[in-house]
Amino acid sequence: MNFSHIPGQKVVIDRLRTAVAEQRVSHALLFYGPEGSGKFAIALAFARYISCENRTATDGCGVCPSCAKYDKLIHPDLHFVFPVIKKKPGTEPVSDTFISQWRAMVLRSPYFSLNTWTEAMEVANEQAIIPVAEASEIVRKLNLKSFESDFKIMIIWLPEKMNAETANKLLKMIEEPPAKTLFILVSEEDDKLLPTITSRCQPVRIPAIAPDEMSRFLEKNYGLDSVYAGEVAGIANGNMVRAIELARDADSTAKHLDRFITLMRTAYKRDSQALVSWSDETAALGRERQKGFLTYALRMIRENFILNYQGKENRLVYLTEKEEDFSQKFHPFINNRNIQALDREFNLAFAHVESNGNTKMIFLDLALKTMRLIG
């Protein structure tokens, strides 16, 4: 991952390059900003740039031994910390326990969410944290001498997942690290970090990715035509994680739309028998596909509500061509009378699916409530 592979973010990247050129890189950086803005990708490219043996004024060389090891995420002076779960009761796992899954996920794409990561660990229903045992590992690793590079680099992804005990054990290390040590904290919710951690870091805000930059990236890397790439970029609203999911899963998006249309039309007709069939079919899907559908349905409900207030000159809603065709006639049925209730019921269904509830009951209940609210 070089800077040249990252869409947009020129201002941030120029700032990081300048810091390296002027030898004023802070020992602890906090990258923060909205999900999907490329914070982790920039952190990885920055670490590679610092470690490169023949870097230019703009990027890493891409061919030196250091860059070759970064390509496989196996550089001995690059360390990762991320949320993990307990495999067995009584165990104390750390990031290295899951390092092979982590490398495989990052090498597929440096744009991912906590959901992506928990699925990669095959523990989608568990809560991932950075446990106190991790703090001891960090201290141990960073007290060793660097193997090959001038800098030892520790990238901590989602530091807000540290509990107070873990964070407090790291305070002194972050405040007074060994020489030539660099911490890069990559946070989605920096407001949840302990103030004692944030006060010891130099903040670097990473903004959402501009739609035109995202569209060009999707065309180049995912083979989308310019029209669909623009639609996806609009729907993703600066979130590259969401955009890549849509680009990779265009077929699933079409199926989500069909399922949503069927539910809404059947609910409007008040055809209870057809709603039972719909709920049985939806319950037969895997839980991740069910959650994907519910997330999609929530977006469609909100976008259709906003369509009621969008003027001809204002662009407030982003829909694909097929979604817009359906929504032109459907959006009056999502209004002030039912928007809050629909939003609540679909969110509640998502929470119940995530908690391993009985999906036949969940989706039948949702379908019948939708019939009451839409009809």
Foldseek 3Di string as FASTA:
>chain_A
DAPVLDFDPVVLLLVLLVCVVVVNDAQEEEEEEAAQLCSQVSVLNSVLQQFAPDHDSRIHPCPDPSNVCSLQPNFLLEAEFEWDDDPDPPDDDTCVVCVVLVSVQVNVDVRADVCSVCVSVVNNLDDTAHELVHLVVVLVSQVDDHDRGLAREYEYEANLRYDPNNVVSCLVCLQDNDPRYHYYYYHNCCVSDDPSVVVSHHYRYRYFRDLVSQLVSCCVPLVDPSQVSSLLSVLCVRRNNSSVCCSVPVVLLVVLVVLLVQLLVCLQVVPLVVLLVSLVVLLPDDLVSNLVSLVSNLLLLVLLACVVVDDPVDDDHRDRPVSVVVSVVVSVLRYPQQSVVLNVLSVVLNVCSSNVHRSSVSSSVNSNVSSVSRD
